[in-house]
């Protein structure tokens, strides 16, 4: 599978924008490809860490900035 297309499916999955056909395509790909599963978890891990960092940074700024 084309890596750029796979990344697009990952992004749409994360954002909740997959069509039914895209969801089925992503599912088939993940079931059949260990490389796609590894890429999916790396993508998910990256975005989870980014979200966590953003929340921590927001909290840090709120704690040090005067009200």
C-alpha atoms as a PDB file:
ATOM      1  CA  UNK A   1       0.000   0.000   0.000  1.00  0.00           C
ATOM      2  CA  UNK A   2       1.113   3.538  -0.715  1.00  0.00           C
ATOM      3  CA  UNK A   3       2.591   5.019   2.478  1.00  0.00           C
ATOM      4  CA  UNK A   4       1.085   8.474   1.839  1.00  0.00           C
ATOM      5  CA  UNK A   5      -2.373   6.920   1.416  1.00  0.00           C
ATOM      6  CA  UNK A   6      -1.908   4.922   4.600  1.00  0.00           C
ATOM      7  CA  UNK A   7      -0.959   8.093   6.497  1.00  0.00           C
ATOM      8  CA  UNK A   8      -4.083   9.769   5.122  1.00  0.00           C
ATOM      9  CA  UNK A   9      -6.199   6.893   6.435  1.00  0.00           C
ATOM     10  CA  UNK A  10      -4.469   7.152   9.826  1.00  0.00           C
ATOM     11  CA  UNK A  11      -5.180  10.885   9.977  1.00  0.00           C
ATOM     12  CA  UNK A  12      -8.804  10.441   8.999  1.00  0.00           C
ATOM     13  CA  UNK A  13      -9.166   7.645  11.572  1.00  0.00           C
ATOM     14  CA  UNK A  14      -7.711   9.870  14.303  1.00  0.00           C
ATOM     15  CA  UNK A  15     -10.002  12.742  13.325  1.00  0.00           C
ATOM     16  CA  UNK A  16     -13.082  10.511  13.054  1.00  0.00           C
ATOM     17  CA  UNK A  17     -13.526  11.188   9.351  1.00  0.00           C
ATOM     18  CA  UNK A  18     -13.216   7.769   7.726  1.00  0.00           C
ATOM     19  CA  UNK A  19     -15.918   6.735   5.312  1.00  0.00           C
ATOM     20  CA  UNK A  20     -17.228   3.188   5.661  1.00  0.00           C
ATOM     21  CA  UNK A  21     -15.151   2.140   2.646  1.00  0.00           C
ATOM     22  CA  UNK A  22     -12.002   3.737   4.068  1.00  0.00           C
ATOM     23  CA  UNK A  23     -12.598   2.094   7.441  1.00  0.00           C
ATOM     24  CA  UNK A  24     -12.888  -1.304   5.764  1.00  0.00           C
ATOM     25  CA  UNK A  25      -9.735  -0.633   3.726  1.00  0.00           C
ATOM     26  CA  UNK A  26      -7.780   0.384   6.839  1.00  0.00           C
ATOM     27  CA  UNK A  27      -9.035  -2.677   8.717  1.00  0.00           C
ATOM     28  CA  UNK A  28      -8.017  -5.031   5.903  1.00  0.00           C
ATOM     29  CA  UNK A  29      -4.610  -3.390   5.676  1.00  0.00           C
ATOM     30  CA  UNK A  30      -3.975  -3.585   9.412  1.00  0.00           C
ATOM     31  CA  UNK A  31      -5.056  -7.215   9.549  1.00  0.00           C
ATOM     32  CA  UNK A  32      -2.814  -8.229   6.665  1.00  0.00           C
ATOM     33  CA  UNK A  33       0.313  -6.133   7.233  1.00  0.00           C
ATOM     34  CA  UNK A  34       2.600  -6.169  10.259  1.00  0.00           C
ATOM     35  CA  UNK A  35       4.345  -3.086   8.854  1.00  0.00           C
ATOM     36  CA  UNK A  36       1.040  -1.205   8.653  1.00  0.00           C
ATOM     37  CA  UNK A  37       0.212  -2.170  12.244  1.00  0.00           C
ATOM     38  CA  UNK A  38       3.607  -0.946  13.419  1.00  0.00           C
ATOM     39  CA  UNK A  39       3.152   2.336  11.519  1.00  0.00           C
ATOM     40  CA  UNK A  40      -0.360   2.742  12.951  1.00  0.00           C
ATOM     41  CA  UNK A  41       0.863   2.365  16.542  1.00  0.00           C
ATOM     42  CA  UNK A  42       3.772   4.743  15.942  1.00  0.00           C
ATOM     43  CA  UNK A  43       1.337   7.287  14.505  1.00  0.00           C
ATOM     44  CA  UNK A  44      -1.078   6.840  17.430  1.00  0.00           C
ATOM     45  CA  UNK A  45       1.732   7.022  19.998  1.00  0.00           C
ATOM     46  CA  UNK A  46       3.127  10.206  18.435  1.00  0.00           C
ATOM     47  CA  UNK A  47      -0.243  11.964  18.492  1.00  0.00           C
ATOM     48  CA  UNK A  48      -0.983  10.817  22.043  1.00  0.00           C
ATOM     49  CA  UNK A  49       2.363  12.160  23.239  1.00  0.00           C
ATOM     50  CA  UNK A  50       1.789  15.413  21.377  1.00  0.00           C
ATOM     51  CA  UNK A  51      -1.637  15.837  23.000  1.00  0.00           C
ATOM     52  CA  UNK A  52      -0.193  15.060  26.429  1.00  0.00           C
ATOM     53  CA  UNK A  53       2.591  17.591  25.933  1.00  0.00           C
ATOM     54  CA  UNK A  54       0.041  20.231  24.882  1.00  0.00           C
ATOM     55  CA  UNK A  55      -2.069  19.630  27.969  1.00  0.00           C
ATOM     56  CA  UNK A  56       0.960  19.792  30.244  1.00  0.00           C
ATOM     57  CA  UNK A  57       2.233  22.956  28.558  1.00  0.00           C
ATOM     58  CA  UNK A  58      -1.193  24.579  28.864  1.00  0.00           C
ATOM     59  CA  UNK A  59      -1.296  23.685  32.564  1.00  0.00           C
ATOM     60  CA  UNK A  60       2.227  24.986  33.111  1.00  0.00           C
ATOM     61  CA  UNK A  61       1.386  28.299  31.468  1.00  0.00           C
ATOM     62  CA  UNK A  62      -1.800  28.636  33.483  1.00  0.00           C
ATOM     63  CA  UNK A  63       0.156  27.998  36.686  1.00  0.00           C
ATOM     64  CA  UNK A  64       2.855  30.612  36.064  1.00  0.00           C
ATOM     65  CA  UNK A  65       0.900  33.377  34.312  1.00  0.00           C
ATOM     66  CA  UNK A  66      -0.896  35.860  36.551  1.00  0.00           C
ATOM     67  CA  UNK A  67      -4.688  35.784  36.364  1.00  0.00           C
END
